[in-house]
Every structure is written in structure tokens, then in C-alpha cells.
């Protein structure tokens, strides 16, 4: 295959919904000529009117000068037929997510545009190779996956099909930068980077809820305030809407031939059928009144501190943090080799549930409460406690009072391998590692795509490094040992780097270019 020199100045956009309009907006502002086409002619005029209003609003707010606003709008024109896209250097489709419809469109475009025109799909879940398979020349078909709303979501995935010309992808990478976006490059695999990596938060959050461990609101509170994410899994699902997110979950699961890591939840399937889609319908995992999320209030912390507390020595660093909190609360520390008969028993498992931690150390499960020490306990915005099925109400309430004594809110959950934050974060890191292992994208692009596309505080690989790859590996191995679920098997990328003391962001050393020759 001979690479061509693709120069892009005129862009055709097929489909004038939210995505098509957003792409048109950033292209026009970048000085490109934009031609809009839609099978509904009225939609083209509506899209141009929308852009005119948007540019005028940005000008009124001082975010766009008037000359540039007028020039951008002048760059946009409508096309009444596909044939009017003949002079385009690039055509981006942003139409319905149906393979046969996209293939038919690209076959028609091939009869209209020149051989130097790149054909790009904004698909979020379909194979670029499959879309290109319907074309006479599949080499110029590239994935160009923007995120909604396009002007604000500053990342775009450039996806190479198996028969794609790298020069076409290179041209779209350059174009993305020209339009003020950050491009990341991915192989043609289900979910590409962002939707693939996003399975960790959503599917694991749903699994936690499905096991009856905690409520939707409590899971969100833990992921936001303890783990530091901007949104919890159910707030995120409400924002994206289940009619969008659930089909993507099913699509990725089936495209990976029922890979257990991506198993969808009947929770979202049932709620989708019931029309509880999220913010846009006024009710999802939360209710929305005048667009405002209605969150159930948390109960007040109990009063009544324990007389003495014994803390497991299984994880010394975690024990040290717990002992510090006990001292600050003015509670006596039981320093015996085994707990005294009247002491509250605190364990700090990583990946195990409270029951396994109690049995492993031959502890009285009725007095055992576990605390999640994955994130710092001192200065925390939230702490999470976990009980065994045998833990008494008195032990639970005493532990709650103790760890809330300094005013930090505490969430008490039912027994769960890996609490909430541990298992969700470990799953996020593990899936990110597997994306790197499969060479779907570079480690740098994986973290960049996730931070920009999902708004996570760190990319999955950097997050694993921050918490410690060996600790993440321990959590996954312990979860796997308890549940036997292949969902929690560690990625080879994670296991090898944890064992060698390498950063999860580091490619294989032999693949790193250096000037030194052997």
C-alpha cells in the first residue's frame, strides 16, 4: 500500500445532530471550509442556525471576537445532496450506529469524492475495519471518535483499521490539533480506548450494587470523596443516559466474546426497559427536580466510642494509620497478641472481605469491622467501614462512632471483597493495563484519553503507580482467590511490572528508542 499525502482544508459532515454540529463548530472556528449534509434537508438549516446562535452567544460573552465569529459562520454551508461533497478533502459521518447504514454511506461517498479524500467515522462502538470492508478503497477509512459535547471535550480518538493507510490517520491527528483538540491513536478494537477503559468504573460499580453491598448514592459518595473521582458510577450513568451507555456495555461485552471483565448488569437492562434513563428523563439512579439531583440524606454518626480497640497487624502500614486515628479519638489501644474479650476488632484487608480477614486470623467475627486503608485515612474526605455477616450492631456502631469522631463522614457497607473503592479502582487499573498489554494504544495515550475523555483524576496507569502496582496486584489476587471470578485475574502488564518494580506507564525497555547502540 502506497501512502498518500492527505491535505485537509474542506470538510464534509454527514449527520447534523449534536455530534455533527459540534464537529462543524470546531472545524469552522479553525478556518476550515465546512459543508453540512443530512438526509433531512431541514436539519441542515437548523444546524447552521444553531451554529450562528452559538457563535453569537460566545461573542456576547467575550469568548470569541466578532470578526472570527462572522468568518467561522461564513465557512459553513449546506449541501442538498451527497454529490455536493465532491470537493471535500475529508468527510466525517456522524449518523446512526448501524453498520450496514454506515457501509452504504461510505460506498456512496466513494462514487463522489476524489481518491485523496479521507473518509472518517465518528462511531463509538463499531469496528472501523468492518465499516471499511464495504469500500472499494478501505485504506482511507479512519475512525475519528469525538465526545459529546465536542467543543468542550478536548480529546478525539483516531482509529486505524486493519487495511488503513497510516498517512490518513496522521492527517487526522494533525487536523485535531489544528482544531484545538488532543488526538490519541488507537488500534481497531472494541471500545477503542475511552469506552474500553470506562468499563472498570461502570461495570464494577454495578456489580457492587448488584451484590447488595451498598446503595447507589453510597457507592457514588465513596468513589467521589474517598477515591477522588469527579463523579461516581451512577452519577456518570445518569449523565450519559442508559439508552446510550447500556447498549455500549452490551456491544463491548459481545465483541470481546463474553469477556468476564465486561459483563453488563441486569440492573441497567431493567432500568432501561422501564425508561429510567437518567437526567434527560428526570429519573435514573437519582430523581431530578428542575434538573437538580435529589440525593438521599446520610444518617448521623452514632455516639458511644468503644472502650478499647485491637487492630490487626497483617498490614503494618495500614495498622499504623488506624492506630493514629484511635489515639486522636482518645480511645484505648488493645496491644495484645490477641484481642481482649471486650475489644472492638479492626482489620484492614486489601482485596479480601471482612469475613475472610476474620477467619484467616481466627478472630471473633461478631466484633470484627474492616476499614478501607487504600487511600490515606488522615485528612480523608470520607472513610469506608465494612462488617461481616456476624458483626453485631453494637460493634458496627462503635466503629462508626470511632472513625467519625473527627468529623469525617463514614460509610458503612455490607461485606464485600475489596470494599468499594479498592475493587473499582483495581478494576480500572487492571483494564487500563490490559489495553496497554494488547497494544491497542501507547501507555501515554491511554492515560491521556482517560483523563480527558472520562475526567478521571489520573489515567489508569498513573493511578496504579500512585497507589502502588504491587498493592493493586495484591487486591486483585485476593479478590480472585475469594471469588474465583476470572474478571479479577491480573493483567500480565500489571503483574510483570509490579514484580520488576517498573512503572505501569513504561513500555517494554526494548521498545524504547535510545541513541545508544550495543
Protein backbone atom coordinates (compact mmCIF):
# COMPACT_ATOMS: atom_id res chain seq x y z
CA UNK A 1 0.00 0.00 0.00
CA UNK A 2 1.41 3.36 -1.05
CA UNK A 3 0.85 6.13 1.49
CA UNK A 4 -0.66 9.31 0.12
CA UNK A 5 -0.26 12.94 1.11
CA UNK A 6 -3.62 13.92 2.57
CA UNK A 7 -4.13 17.67 2.82
CA UNK A 8 -7.34 18.75 4.55
CA UNK A 9 -8.95 22.18 4.06
CA UNK A 10 -12.56 21.33 3.22
CA UNK A 11 -14.63 19.04 5.44
CA UNK A 12 -17.95 17.43 4.67
CA UNK A 13 -20.06 16.36 7.65
CA UNK A 14 -22.88 13.88 7.17
CA UNK A 15 -25.37 14.00 10.02
CA UNK A 16 -26.25 17.27 11.74
CA UNK A 17 -27.19 16.09 15.22
CA UNK A 18 -25.27 17.08 18.35
CA UNK A 19 -22.06 15.40 17.23
CA UNK A 20 -22.15 16.70 13.66
CA UNK A 21 -22.85 20.24 14.85
CA UNK A 22 -20.05 20.07 17.39
CA UNK A 23 -17.51 18.89 14.82
CA UNK A 24 -18.68 21.61 12.43
CA UNK A 25 -18.24 24.24 15.15
CA UNK A 26 -14.60 23.46 15.94
CA UNK A 27 -13.74 22.98 12.25
CA UNK A 28 -15.26 26.30 11.21
CA UNK A 29 -13.51 28.14 14.04
CA UNK A 30 -10.22 26.59 12.88
CA UNK A 31 -10.70 28.25 9.49
CA UNK A 32 -11.75 25.13 7.57
CA UNK A 33 -14.47 25.12 4.95
CA UNK A 34 -17.40 23.03 6.20
CA UNK A 35 -20.22 21.50 4.17
CA UNK A 36 -23.15 20.01 6.06
CA UNK A 37 -25.38 17.25 4.71
CA UNK A 38 -28.31 15.45 6.28
CA UNK A 39 -30.97 13.21 4.77
CA UNK A 40 -33.44 15.65 6.33
CA UNK A 41 -32.86 18.92 4.43
CA UNK A 42 -34.47 20.97 7.21
CA UNK A 43 -31.89 19.64 9.66
CA UNK A 44 -29.08 21.30 7.70
CA UNK A 45 -30.67 24.75 8.03
CA UNK A 46 -31.37 24.11 11.70
CA UNK A 47 -27.74 23.15 12.26
CA UNK A 48 -26.47 26.30 10.61
CA UNK A 49 -28.90 28.39 12.67
CA UNK A 50 -27.64 26.64 15.79
CA UNK A 51 -24.04 27.49 14.88
CA UNK A 52 -24.99 31.12 14.24
CA UNK A 53 -26.62 31.34 17.67
CA UNK A 54 -23.65 29.60 19.31
CA UNK A 55 -21.09 31.93 17.73
CA UNK A 56 -23.23 34.97 18.64
CA UNK A 57 -23.52 33.79 22.25
CA UNK A 58 -19.76 33.20 22.52
CA UNK A 59 -19.16 36.68 21.09
CA UNK A 60 -21.57 38.26 23.57
CA UNK A 61 -19.72 36.56 26.43
CA UNK A 62 -16.38 37.86 25.17
CA UNK A 63 -15.08 34.37 24.39
CA UNK A 64 -14.96 34.97 20.64
CA UNK A 65 -14.27 38.19 18.75
CA UNK A 66 -16.89 39.30 16.25
CA UNK A 67 -14.67 39.08 13.17
CA UNK A 68 -13.75 35.49 13.92
CA UNK A 69 -17.39 34.65 14.67
CA UNK A 70 -18.55 36.02 11.30
CA UNK A 71 -15.70 34.28 9.48
CA UNK A 72 -16.48 30.95 11.13
CA UNK A 73 -20.15 31.13 10.17
CA UNK A 74 -19.20 32.10 6.61
CA UNK A 75 -17.13 28.90 6.46
CA UNK A 76 -20.25 26.77 6.88
CA UNK A 77 -22.63 25.95 4.05
CA UNK A 78 -25.26 23.31 3.42
CA UNK A 79 -25.29 20.54 0.84
CA UNK A 80 -28.59 19.39 -0.60
CA UNK A 81 -27.17 16.15 -1.97
CA UNK A 82 -24.24 13.82 -1.30
CA UNK A 83 -22.90 14.79 -4.73
CA UNK A 84 -22.23 18.32 -3.43
CA UNK A 85 -19.49 16.90 -1.18
CA UNK A 86 -17.40 16.15 -4.25
CA UNK A 87 -14.64 18.67 -3.48
CA UNK A 88 -14.12 17.68 0.17
CA UNK A 89 -10.74 16.58 1.46
CA UNK A 90 -12.39 14.82 4.39
CA UNK A 91 -15.91 13.56 5.03
CA UNK A 92 -16.89 12.72 8.61
CA UNK A 93 -20.04 10.72 9.19
CA UNK A 94 -21.95 11.23 12.44
CA UNK A 95 -25.04 9.17 11.72
CA UNK A 96 -26.89 6.27 13.33
CA UNK A 97 -24.79 3.48 14.91
CA UNK A 98 -25.73 0.80 12.39
CA UNK A 99 -23.01 -0.96 10.43
CA UNK A 100 -25.00 -1.52 7.25
CA UNK A 101 -26.10 2.14 7.11
CA UNK A 102 -22.54 3.41 7.55
CA UNK A 103 -21.20 0.98 4.93
CA UNK A 104 -23.84 2.09 2.43
CA UNK A 105 -22.98 5.75 3.05
CA UNK A 106 -19.27 5.19 2.51
CA UNK A 107 -19.90 3.22 -0.70
CA UNK A 108 -21.94 6.15 -1.98
CA UNK A 109 -19.29 8.67 -0.92
CA UNK A 110 -16.64 6.72 -2.84
CA UNK A 111 -18.52 7.45 -6.07
CA UNK A 112 -18.48 11.18 -5.32
CA UNK A 113 -15.20 12.23 -3.68
CA UNK A 114 -11.65 12.13 -5.06
CA UNK A 115 -9.07 9.48 -4.26
CA UNK A 116 -7.35 11.92 -1.89
CA UNK A 117 -10.41 12.35 0.32
CA UNK A 118 -10.28 10.73 3.76
CA UNK A 119 -13.50 9.03 4.91
CA UNK A 120 -13.90 9.16 8.67
CA UNK A 121 -16.43 7.59 11.04
CA UNK A 122 -17.38 9.09 14.37
CA UNK A 123 -18.57 5.69 15.57
CA UNK A 124 -18.20 4.96 19.28
CA UNK A 125 -18.60 1.19 19.16
CA UNK A 126 -18.44 -0.24 15.63
CA UNK A 127 -15.34 -1.71 14.01
CA UNK A 128 -13.57 0.65 11.60
CA UNK A 129 -12.28 -2.37 9.68
CA UNK A 130 -15.86 -3.61 9.27
CA UNK A 131 -17.09 -0.20 8.10
CA UNK A 132 -14.21 0.00 5.60
CA UNK A 133 -14.84 -3.54 4.35
CA UNK A 134 -17.73 -2.26 2.23
CA UNK A 135 -15.46 0.16 0.37
CA UNK A 136 -13.50 -0.32 -2.85
CA UNK A 137 -10.59 1.54 -1.19
CA UNK A 138 -10.65 0.73 2.56
CA UNK A 139 -7.22 2.29 3.11
CA UNK A 140 -8.59 5.83 3.50
CA UNK A 141 -11.28 4.92 6.04
CA UNK A 142 -10.34 6.05 9.57
CA UNK A 143 -12.13 6.25 12.90
CA UNK A 144 -12.46 9.81 14.23
CA UNK A 145 -14.27 9.47 17.54
CA UNK A 146 -15.20 12.75 19.21
CA UNK A 147 -17.01 13.04 22.54
CA UNK A 148 -20.13 14.99 23.39
CA UNK A 149 -20.19 17.97 23.72
CA UNK A 150 -17.46 18.20 21.09
CA UNK A 151 -16.31 21.81 21.75
CA UNK A 152 -15.77 21.08 25.46
CA UNK A 153 -14.45 17.50 25.32
CA UNK A 154 -10.97 18.21 24.02
CA UNK A 155 -9.94 14.67 23.08
CA UNK A 156 -10.52 12.69 19.89
CA UNK A 157 -9.61 9.08 19.16
CA UNK A 158 -8.02 8.35 15.79
CA UNK A 159 -8.53 4.68 14.95
CA UNK A 160 -6.63 2.81 12.26
CA UNK A 161 -8.49 -0.02 10.53
CA UNK A 162 -6.58 -3.17 9.61
CA UNK A 163 -6.35 -2.06 5.99
CA UNK A 164 -5.95 1.63 6.75
CA UNK A 165 -3.23 3.87 5.35
CA UNK A 166 -1.31 5.32 8.34
CA UNK A 167 -0.99 8.60 6.41
CA UNK A 168 -4.77 9.06 6.61
CA UNK A 169 -4.66 8.67 10.38
CA UNK A 170 -1.65 11.00 10.55
CA UNK A 171 -3.62 13.66 8.67
CA UNK A 172 -6.50 13.39 11.17
CA UNK A 173 -4.07 13.65 14.09
CA UNK A 174 -2.72 16.92 12.64
CA UNK A 175 -6.22 18.18 11.92
CA UNK A 176 -7.34 17.51 15.51
CA UNK A 177 -4.51 19.68 16.82
CA UNK A 178 -5.41 22.42 14.36
CA UNK A 179 -8.98 22.35 15.71
CA UNK A 180 -7.73 22.68 19.29
CA UNK A 181 -8.24 19.07 20.28
CA UNK A 182 -5.85 16.46 21.67
CA UNK A 183 -5.66 13.37 19.46
CA UNK A 184 -4.87 9.86 20.71
CA UNK A 185 -4.14 6.92 18.40
CA UNK A 186 -5.76 3.52 18.80
CA UNK A 187 -5.96 0.18 17.08
CA UNK A 188 -9.33 -1.02 15.88
CA UNK A 189 -10.55 -2.90 18.95
CA UNK A 190 -13.96 -2.82 20.70
CA UNK A 191 -14.43 0.41 22.65
CA UNK A 192 -11.13 1.82 21.31
CA UNK A 193 -9.53 3.46 24.38
CA UNK A 194 -12.08 5.53 26.32
CA UNK A 195 -15.14 3.28 26.13
CA UNK A 196 -12.92 0.27 26.74
CA UNK A 197 -11.25 1.80 29.82
CA UNK A 198 -14.60 3.08 31.10
CA UNK A 199 -15.83 -0.46 31.72
CA UNK A 200 -13.91 -0.53 35.01
CA UNK A 201 -15.89 2.17 36.81
CA UNK A 202 -19.36 1.36 35.48
CA UNK A 203 -19.44 -2.42 35.39
CA UNK A 204 -17.71 -2.83 38.77
CA UNK A 205 -19.89 -0.18 40.38
CA UNK A 206 -22.94 -2.04 39.08
CA UNK A 207 -21.57 -5.31 40.38
CA UNK A 208 -21.08 -3.83 43.86
CA UNK A 209 -24.68 -2.59 43.84
CA UNK A 210 -25.89 -5.91 42.43
CA UNK A 211 -24.32 -7.76 45.37
CA UNK A 212 -26.30 -5.59 47.78
CA UNK A 213 -23.10 -4.17 49.28
CA UNK A 214 -24.20 -0.52 49.29
CA UNK A 215 -26.75 1.86 47.79
CA UNK A 216 -26.18 3.75 44.54
CA UNK A 217 -25.70 7.01 46.48
CA UNK A 218 -23.24 5.46 48.93
CA UNK A 219 -21.16 3.94 46.12
CA UNK A 220 -21.04 7.34 44.42
CA UNK A 221 -20.06 9.07 47.67
CA UNK A 222 -17.21 6.62 48.22
CA UNK A 223 -15.86 6.96 44.68
CA UNK A 224 -16.11 10.76 44.78
CA UNK A 225 -14.99 11.61 48.29
CA UNK A 226 -12.72 8.71 49.21
CA UNK A 227 -11.27 7.76 45.81
CA UNK A 228 -11.26 11.31 44.41
CA UNK A 229 -13.25 10.88 41.19
CA UNK A 230 -15.34 13.78 39.89
CA UNK A 231 -18.43 11.56 39.53
CA UNK A 232 -19.39 8.17 40.89
CA UNK A 233 -20.54 5.39 38.53
CA UNK A 234 -24.26 6.06 38.92
CA UNK A 235 -23.97 9.82 38.56
CA UNK A 236 -21.96 9.15 35.40
CA UNK A 237 -24.56 6.69 34.06
CA UNK A 238 -27.32 9.22 34.72
CA UNK A 239 -25.34 11.87 32.88
CA UNK A 240 -24.67 9.75 29.77
CA UNK A 241 -28.16 8.13 29.89
CA UNK A 242 -28.82 4.39 29.86
CA UNK A 243 -30.12 4.35 26.29
CA UNK A 244 -26.55 5.30 25.31
CA UNK A 245 -24.44 3.52 27.94
CA UNK A 246 -26.21 0.15 28.27
CA UNK A 247 -26.03 -0.73 24.55
CA UNK A 248 -22.32 0.19 24.61
CA UNK A 249 -21.81 -2.16 27.59
CA UNK A 250 -23.54 -4.98 25.73
CA UNK A 251 -21.71 -4.25 22.48
CA UNK A 252 -18.24 -4.30 24.04
CA UNK A 253 -19.07 -7.44 26.05
CA UNK A 254 -20.20 -9.34 22.96
CA UNK A 255 -17.42 -8.00 20.73
CA UNK A 256 -14.90 -9.39 23.22
CA UNK A 257 -16.72 -12.74 23.07
CA UNK A 258 -18.25 -12.55 26.54
CA UNK A 259 -15.08 -11.50 28.35
CA UNK A 260 -15.98 -11.58 32.07
CA UNK A 261 -14.31 -8.23 32.77
CA UNK A 262 -17.00 -6.51 30.70
CA UNK A 263 -20.13 -8.38 31.84
CA UNK A 264 -23.10 -5.98 31.78
CA UNK A 265 -25.54 -5.80 34.67
CA UNK A 266 -29.23 -6.67 34.68
CA UNK A 267 -29.65 -3.53 36.79
CA UNK A 268 -29.14 -1.27 33.78
CA UNK A 269 -31.05 -3.59 31.44
CA UNK A 270 -34.13 -3.48 33.66
CA UNK A 271 -33.96 0.27 34.25
CA UNK A 272 -33.54 0.89 30.52
CA UNK A 273 -36.73 -1.06 29.80
CA UNK A 274 -38.50 0.95 32.49
CA UNK A 275 -37.46 4.28 30.96
CA UNK A 276 -35.32 5.32 33.94
CA UNK A 277 -32.63 6.70 31.66
CA UNK A 278 -31.10 9.43 33.79
CA UNK A 279 -31.04 13.21 33.84
CA UNK A 280 -32.73 13.65 30.47
CA UNK A 281 -35.87 11.80 31.63
CA UNK A 282 -35.89 13.29 35.14
CA UNK A 283 -35.26 9.96 36.79
CA UNK A 284 -32.48 7.41 36.69
CA UNK A 285 -30.44 6.16 39.62
CA UNK A 286 -31.45 9.52 41.13
CA UNK A 287 -34.50 11.72 40.72
CA UNK A 288 -34.07 15.19 39.20
CA UNK A 289 -36.27 18.13 40.08
CA UNK A 290 -35.77 21.17 37.83
CA UNK A 291 -32.57 19.48 36.68
CA UNK A 292 -31.23 19.21 40.25
CA UNK A 293 -30.12 15.82 41.53
CA UNK A 294 -32.04 14.61 44.59
CA UNK A 295 -29.65 12.76 46.89
CA UNK A 296 -30.91 10.87 49.96
CA UNK A 297 -29.58 12.27 53.21
CA UNK A 298 -27.00 10.33 55.18
CA UNK A 299 -27.85 9.20 58.71
CA UNK A 300 -25.94 10.86 61.53
CA UNK A 301 -22.99 9.01 63.01
CA UNK A 302 -23.81 7.03 66.19
CA UNK A 303 -22.49 8.15 69.56
CA UNK A 304 -20.67 5.95 72.01
CA UNK A 305 -17.00 5.14 71.44
CA UNK A 306 -15.60 1.66 72.07
CA UNK A 307 -13.72 1.09 75.35
CA UNK A 308 -10.73 -0.46 73.60
CA UNK A 309 -9.73 -1.41 70.06
CA UNK A 310 -7.50 -4.19 68.78
CA UNK A 311 -6.05 -3.70 65.28
CA UNK A 312 -4.79 -6.47 63.01
CA UNK A 313 -1.07 -6.44 62.27
CA UNK A 314 -1.49 -8.15 58.87
CA UNK A 315 -0.73 -4.87 57.02
CA UNK A 316 1.62 -2.80 59.23
CA UNK A 317 1.36 0.49 57.31
CA UNK A 318 -2.45 0.36 57.35
CA UNK A 319 -2.38 -0.54 61.05
CA UNK A 320 -0.23 2.48 61.81
CA UNK A 321 -2.77 4.80 60.15
CA UNK A 322 -5.66 3.21 62.08
CA UNK A 323 -3.79 3.39 65.40
CA UNK A 324 -3.20 7.11 64.80
CA UNK A 325 -6.95 7.71 64.45
CA UNK A 326 -7.67 5.68 67.59
CA UNK A 327 -5.20 7.79 69.54
CA UNK A 328 -6.70 11.05 68.27
CA UNK A 329 -10.15 9.87 69.40
CA UNK A 330 -8.78 9.20 72.89
CA UNK A 331 -9.68 5.51 72.80
CA UNK A 332 -7.51 2.84 74.44
CA UNK A 333 -5.47 0.67 72.09
CA UNK A 334 -5.51 -3.06 72.87
CA UNK A 335 -1.89 -4.06 72.16
CA UNK A 336 -2.28 -7.73 72.99
CA UNK A 337 -1.19 -10.52 70.66
CA UNK A 338 -4.89 -11.45 70.51
CA UNK A 339 -7.89 -9.19 71.16
CA UNK A 340 -9.25 -8.92 74.69
CA UNK A 341 -12.82 -10.24 75.13
CA UNK A 342 -14.37 -6.74 75.22
CA UNK A 343 -12.28 -5.05 72.49
CA UNK A 344 -13.61 -3.90 69.14
CA UNK A 345 -11.62 -5.74 66.44
CA UNK A 346 -10.48 -3.74 63.40
CA UNK A 347 -8.98 -5.37 60.30
CA UNK A 348 -7.52 -3.68 57.21
CA UNK A 349 -7.88 -6.15 54.32
CA UNK A 350 -6.74 -5.46 50.75
CA UNK A 351 -8.90 -7.40 48.31
CA UNK A 352 -10.29 -9.79 50.92
CA UNK A 353 -13.69 -9.36 52.54
CA UNK A 354 -14.10 -8.86 56.28
CA UNK A 355 -15.19 -12.48 56.72
CA UNK A 356 -12.02 -13.87 55.13
CA UNK A 357 -9.87 -11.46 57.15
CA UNK A 358 -11.59 -12.61 60.38
CA UNK A 359 -11.30 -16.33 59.57
CA UNK A 360 -7.67 -16.07 58.45
CA UNK A 361 -6.67 -14.62 61.85
CA UNK A 362 -9.13 -16.73 63.88
CA UNK A 363 -10.92 -13.62 65.17
CA UNK A 364 -14.37 -13.32 66.73
CA UNK A 365 -16.37 -12.24 63.66
CA UNK A 366 -19.14 -10.73 65.81
CA UNK A 367 -16.71 -7.98 66.88
CA UNK A 368 -14.90 -7.53 63.55
CA UNK A 369 -15.17 -4.35 61.47
CA UNK A 370 -12.93 -3.69 58.45
CA UNK A 371 -11.70 -0.27 57.34
CA UNK A 372 -10.51 0.57 53.81
CA UNK A 373 -6.94 1.90 54.02
CA UNK A 374 -6.22 2.10 50.28
CA UNK A 375 -6.38 5.90 50.42
CA UNK A 376 -4.96 7.99 53.31
CA UNK A 377 -7.13 7.82 56.43
CA UNK A 378 -5.78 11.03 57.99
CA UNK A 379 -7.15 14.08 56.21
CA UNK A 380 -9.65 11.91 54.32
CA UNK A 381 -12.89 13.35 52.95
CA UNK A 382 -14.65 10.03 53.66
CA UNK A 383 -13.88 6.65 55.23
CA UNK A 384 -15.46 3.28 54.49
CA UNK A 385 -16.16 0.54 57.02
CA UNK A 386 -17.30 -3.00 56.29
CA UNK A 387 -18.92 -5.60 58.52
CA UNK A 388 -19.04 -9.39 58.42
CA UNK A 389 -22.48 -11.06 58.38
CA UNK A 390 -21.87 -11.87 62.07
CA UNK A 391 -20.84 -8.37 63.21
CA UNK A 392 -23.17 -7.07 65.91
CA UNK A 393 -24.95 -3.74 65.70
CA UNK A 394 -23.04 -2.63 68.82
CA UNK A 395 -19.66 -3.35 67.20
CA UNK A 396 -20.69 -1.68 63.96
CA UNK A 397 -21.98 1.45 65.66
CA UNK A 398 -18.93 1.70 67.95
CA UNK A 399 -16.61 1.52 64.93
CA UNK A 400 -18.71 4.11 63.07
CA UNK A 401 -18.57 6.49 66.04
CA UNK A 402 -14.81 5.96 66.41
CA UNK A 403 -13.85 6.65 62.80
CA UNK A 404 -16.27 9.60 62.51
CA UNK A 405 -15.05 11.18 65.77
CA UNK A 406 -13.01 13.81 63.93
CA UNK A 407 -15.98 14.88 61.78
CA UNK A 408 -15.09 12.87 58.67
CA UNK A 409 -18.19 11.19 57.18
CA UNK A 410 -18.18 7.39 57.31
CA UNK A 411 -19.99 4.97 55.02
CA UNK A 412 -20.72 1.52 56.42
CA UNK A 413 -21.20 -1.21 53.80
CA UNK A 414 -22.00 -4.90 53.88
CA UNK A 415 -19.23 -7.44 53.39
CA UNK A 416 -17.51 -7.15 50.02
CA UNK A 417 -14.28 -8.45 48.56
CA UNK A 418 -12.25 -5.27 48.17
CA UNK A 419 -14.74 -2.88 49.82
CA UNK A 420 -15.96 -0.44 47.10
CA UNK A 421 -13.05 1.85 46.24
CA UNK A 422 -10.46 -0.95 46.22
CA UNK A 423 -12.33 -3.16 43.81
CA UNK A 424 -13.45 -0.36 41.46
CA UNK A 425 -10.03 1.29 41.34
CA UNK A 426 -8.21 -2.03 40.93
CA UNK A 427 -10.54 -2.92 38.05
CA UNK A 428 -9.94 0.46 36.38
CA UNK A 429 -6.17 -0.01 36.65
CA UNK A 430 -6.32 -3.62 35.51
CA UNK A 431 -8.35 -2.86 32.38
CA UNK A 432 -6.03 0.04 31.55
CA UNK A 433 -3.09 -2.35 31.88
CA UNK A 434 -4.77 -4.83 29.55
CA UNK A 435 -5.28 -2.11 26.93
CA UNK A 436 -1.53 -1.49 27.11
CA UNK A 437 -0.79 -5.23 27.05
CA UNK A 438 -2.87 -5.66 23.89
CA UNK A 439 -1.03 -2.69 22.34
CA UNK A 440 -4.30 -1.01 21.50
CA UNK A 441 -2.63 2.31 22.35
CA UNK A 442 0.56 3.58 23.96
CA UNK A 443 0.61 3.94 27.75
CA UNK A 444 0.81 7.72 27.34
CA UNK A 445 -2.24 7.82 25.05
CA UNK A 446 -4.22 5.52 27.37
CA UNK A 447 -3.78 7.85 30.33
CA UNK A 448 -4.31 10.97 28.22
CA UNK A 449 -7.52 9.63 26.66
CA UNK A 450 -8.98 8.59 30.01
CA UNK A 451 -8.21 11.82 31.85
CA UNK A 452 -9.62 13.96 29.03
CA UNK A 453 -12.42 11.64 27.91
CA UNK A 454 -13.67 10.41 31.28
CA UNK A 455 -12.49 13.17 33.60
CA UNK A 456 -10.68 10.79 35.96
CA UNK A 457 -8.19 12.39 38.37
CA UNK A 458 -5.44 10.27 36.79
CA UNK A 459 -5.20 7.85 33.92
CA UNK A 460 -5.44 4.16 34.93
CA UNK A 461 -1.71 3.52 34.63
CA UNK A 462 -0.68 6.63 36.54
CA UNK A 463 -3.33 5.81 39.16
CA UNK A 464 -1.85 2.34 39.60
CA UNK A 465 1.60 3.86 40.02
CA UNK A 466 0.33 6.37 42.59
CA UNK A 467 -1.26 3.67 44.75
CA UNK A 468 1.49 1.13 44.08
CA UNK A 469 1.32 -1.55 41.41
CA UNK A 470 2.20 -4.32 43.94
CA UNK A 471 -0.74 -3.26 46.13
CA UNK A 472 -3.15 -3.24 43.19
CA UNK A 473 -1.85 -6.70 42.26
CA UNK A 474 -2.44 -7.90 45.83
CA UNK A 475 -6.03 -6.60 45.78
CA UNK A 476 -6.81 -8.36 42.51
CA UNK A 477 -5.18 -11.63 43.53
CA UNK A 478 -7.00 -11.65 46.85
CA UNK A 479 -10.34 -10.90 45.19
CA UNK A 480 -9.71 -13.68 42.70
CA UNK A 481 -8.77 -16.12 45.49
CA UNK A 482 -12.04 -15.46 47.35
CA UNK A 483 -14.44 -15.30 44.39
CA UNK A 484 -12.72 -17.42 41.75
CA UNK A 485 -14.09 -15.00 39.16
CA UNK A 486 -11.79 -14.59 36.11
CA UNK A 487 -12.99 -10.99 35.99
CA UNK A 488 -10.36 -10.22 38.62
CA UNK A 489 -7.40 -12.03 37.07
CA UNK A 490 -4.48 -9.59 36.92
CA UNK A 491 -3.29 -8.33 33.56
CA UNK A 492 0.20 -9.58 32.63
CA UNK A 493 1.18 -5.92 32.14
CA UNK A 494 0.36 -5.21 35.79
CA UNK A 495 1.81 -8.43 37.22
CA UNK A 496 5.16 -8.18 35.45
CA UNK A 497 5.74 -4.51 36.19
CA UNK A 498 4.71 -4.95 39.83
CA UNK A 499 7.17 -7.81 40.22
CA UNK A 500 10.01 -5.91 38.49
CA UNK A 501 9.38 -2.60 40.25
CA UNK A 502 8.63 -0.83 36.98
CA UNK A 503 6.15 1.97 36.31
CA UNK A 504 2.89 0.88 34.69
CA UNK A 505 3.40 3.72 32.20
CA UNK A 506 6.69 2.26 30.95
CA UNK A 507 6.70 0.34 27.67
CA UNK A 508 8.98 -2.68 27.34
CA UNK A 509 12.56 -1.42 27.59
CA UNK A 510 13.45 -2.93 24.22
CA UNK A 511 10.72 -0.84 22.60
CA UNK A 512 12.06 2.46 23.99
CA UNK A 513 14.16 4.32 21.43
CA UNK A 514 17.59 5.36 22.63
CA UNK A 515 20.61 6.72 20.84
CA UNK A 516 22.94 4.17 22.45
CA UNK A 517 23.81 1.22 20.24
CA UNK A 518 25.00 -2.14 21.66
